[in-house]
């Protein structure tokens, strides 16, 4: 079992062109029986893999209660996870600053729509260094000027 991260956007950009060693975008198709992905709001859907090919090597927390936060010494995180998450943030921020709408889903594999909590996340309030993902949460992303 592992994490799955998806984004949807109204940008027609081919995000595979933004893939790197740490972040890999793959066009996602929504199957009729995949109710978890059906909660994504925009027409262009992308699976976001990491260096591990799945979405596991990003900054994840099980609970949103700790909120966003920069890496701290007492909670060790792999540098590649931090770097991959910052790369992802950069792509999301670029889409948002270009005027596109974006949402992001971080779910444990096979989680259902009823398992997902939706939260609004503003990049005006969450920095690149503090950004992380929360298991079974959908982010409705807003840009810095939104």
Protein backbone atom coordinates (compact mmCIF):
# COMPACT_ATOMS: atom_id res chain seq x y z
CA UNK A 1 0.00 0.00 0.00
CA UNK A 2 1.11 3.54 -0.60
CA UNK A 3 0.10 7.14 -1.16
CA UNK A 4 -1.41 8.41 -4.37
CA UNK A 5 -1.23 12.11 -5.24
CA UNK A 6 -3.32 13.61 -8.02
CA UNK A 7 -3.90 17.13 -9.20
CA UNK A 8 -6.54 18.52 -11.48
CA UNK A 9 -6.42 21.84 -13.27
CA UNK A 10 -8.11 23.79 -16.02
CA UNK A 11 -4.67 24.40 -17.59
CA UNK A 12 -4.24 22.54 -20.90
CA UNK A 13 -0.46 22.43 -20.34
CA UNK A 14 1.23 19.05 -20.78
CA UNK A 15 2.65 18.64 -17.29
CA UNK A 16 4.81 15.70 -18.35
CA UNK A 17 7.14 18.44 -19.66
CA UNK A 18 7.64 19.54 -16.02
CA UNK A 19 8.66 16.07 -14.85
CA UNK A 20 12.02 15.76 -13.15
CA UNK A 21 13.97 13.12 -11.28
CA UNK A 22 11.98 13.89 -8.12
CA UNK A 23 8.48 14.66 -9.50
CA UNK A 24 6.80 12.82 -12.35
CA UNK A 25 3.51 13.80 -13.93
CA UNK A 26 1.42 11.25 -15.75
CA UNK A 27 -1.98 11.86 -17.35
CA UNK A 28 -4.63 10.27 -15.16
CA UNK A 29 -7.89 8.78 -16.32
CA UNK A 30 -10.85 8.63 -13.99
CA UNK A 31 -12.63 5.32 -14.01
CA UNK A 32 -16.33 5.11 -13.24
CA UNK A 33 -15.66 3.08 -10.10
CA UNK A 34 -12.93 5.36 -8.78
CA UNK A 35 -15.03 7.67 -6.66
CA UNK A 36 -11.96 9.07 -4.95
CA UNK A 37 -10.70 10.66 -8.16
CA UNK A 38 -14.12 11.88 -9.15
CA UNK A 39 -13.92 14.53 -6.42
CA UNK A 40 -11.26 16.35 -8.41
CA UNK A 41 -12.90 19.44 -9.88
CA UNK A 42 -11.06 20.27 -13.09
CA UNK A 43 -10.88 18.59 -16.52
CA UNK A 44 -7.13 17.91 -16.77
CA UNK A 45 -6.12 15.29 -14.19
CA UNK A 46 -2.58 14.22 -13.44
CA UNK A 47 -1.07 11.48 -11.32
CA UNK A 48 1.92 12.89 -9.45
CA UNK A 49 4.59 10.33 -8.81
CA UNK A 50 7.85 10.81 -7.03
CA UNK A 51 11.28 9.29 -7.34
CA UNK A 52 9.87 6.05 -5.95
CA UNK A 53 7.40 5.90 -8.91
CA UNK A 54 4.48 6.00 -6.47
CA UNK A 55 3.69 9.16 -4.50
CA UNK A 56 5.33 8.08 -1.26
CA UNK A 57 8.47 10.21 -1.34
CA UNK A 58 6.82 13.57 -0.72
CA UNK A 59 6.33 15.23 2.67
CA UNK A 60 3.21 13.54 4.13
CA UNK A 61 1.52 13.65 7.51
CA UNK A 62 -1.28 11.38 8.63
CA UNK A 63 -3.15 14.17 10.40
CA UNK A 64 -3.74 17.77 9.41
CA UNK A 65 -3.82 18.77 13.09
CA UNK A 66 -0.13 19.74 13.07
CA UNK A 67 -0.76 21.90 10.02
CA UNK A 68 1.83 23.10 7.58
CA UNK A 69 5.34 23.54 8.86
CA UNK A 70 8.94 23.74 7.82
CA UNK A 71 11.15 20.74 8.47
CA UNK A 72 12.40 20.55 12.06
CA UNK A 73 15.34 18.72 13.56
CA UNK A 74 13.26 16.71 16.05
CA UNK A 75 11.13 15.20 13.24
CA UNK A 76 13.60 13.78 10.70
CA UNK A 77 12.58 13.88 7.04
CA UNK A 78 14.51 12.69 4.02
CA UNK A 79 16.02 15.57 2.04
CA UNK A 80 14.73 14.05 -1.21
CA UNK A 81 11.17 14.13 0.18
CA UNK A 82 11.60 17.79 1.05
CA UNK A 83 13.10 18.59 -2.37
CA UNK A 84 10.36 16.68 -4.24
CA UNK A 85 7.64 18.49 -2.31
CA UNK A 86 9.26 21.84 -3.06
CA UNK A 87 9.41 20.92 -6.76
CA UNK A 88 5.71 20.04 -6.69
CA UNK A 89 4.94 23.33 -4.92
CA UNK A 90 6.79 25.19 -7.67
CA UNK A 91 4.65 23.63 -10.39
CA UNK A 92 1.44 24.30 -8.45
CA UNK A 93 2.47 27.91 -7.76
CA UNK A 94 3.31 28.43 -11.44
CA UNK A 95 -0.11 27.17 -12.55
CA UNK A 96 -1.86 29.33 -9.97
CA UNK A 97 0.12 32.45 -10.83
CA UNK A 98 -0.79 31.92 -14.50
CA UNK A 99 -4.45 32.17 -13.51
CA UNK A 100 -5.34 28.49 -13.62
CA UNK A 101 -7.37 26.69 -11.01
CA UNK A 102 -5.81 23.68 -9.28
CA UNK A 103 -6.79 21.13 -6.68
CA UNK A 104 -4.70 18.35 -5.18
CA UNK A 105 -5.69 15.00 -3.71
CA UNK A 106 -3.40 13.06 -1.37
CA UNK A 107 -4.92 9.73 -0.51
CA UNK A 108 -3.97 6.39 0.83
CA UNK A 109 -4.36 3.89 -2.00
CA UNK A 110 -7.98 2.77 -2.40
CA UNK A 111 -9.42 5.42 -0.09
CA UNK A 112 -12.99 6.27 -1.04
CA UNK A 113 -14.57 9.68 -1.57
CA UNK A 114 -16.16 9.59 1.90
CA UNK A 115 -12.66 9.19 3.42
CA UNK A 116 -11.47 12.49 1.93
CA UNK A 117 -11.65 15.84 3.73
CA UNK A 118 -11.50 19.00 1.59
CA UNK A 119 -9.63 22.08 2.79
CA UNK A 120 -8.83 25.45 1.21
CA UNK A 121 -5.10 26.16 1.01
CA UNK A 122 -3.72 29.57 0.10
CA UNK A 123 -0.16 29.85 -1.14
CA UNK A 124 -0.23 33.38 0.30
CA UNK A 125 -0.24 31.70 3.72
CA UNK A 126 1.75 28.50 3.07
CA UNK A 127 5.35 28.84 1.93
CA UNK A 128 7.27 26.42 -0.24
CA UNK A 129 9.29 25.28 2.81
CA UNK A 130 6.19 24.68 4.94
CA UNK A 131 4.10 22.91 2.30
CA UNK A 132 3.33 19.25 2.90
CA UNK A 133 0.57 16.81 2.10
CA UNK A 134 -1.99 15.28 4.44
CA UNK A 135 -3.30 11.76 4.02
CA UNK A 136 -6.83 11.58 2.63
CA UNK A 137 -7.13 15.33 2.09
CA UNK A 138 -8.04 17.33 -0.96
CA UNK A 139 -6.61 20.84 -1.21
CA UNK A 140 -8.50 23.54 -3.09
CA UNK A 141 -5.49 25.67 -3.92
CA UNK A 142 -5.45 29.45 -4.15
CA UNK A 143 -2.58 31.55 -5.46
CA UNK A 144 -0.83 34.32 -3.65
CA UNK A 145 -3.09 37.00 -5.15
CA UNK A 146 -6.36 35.05 -4.73
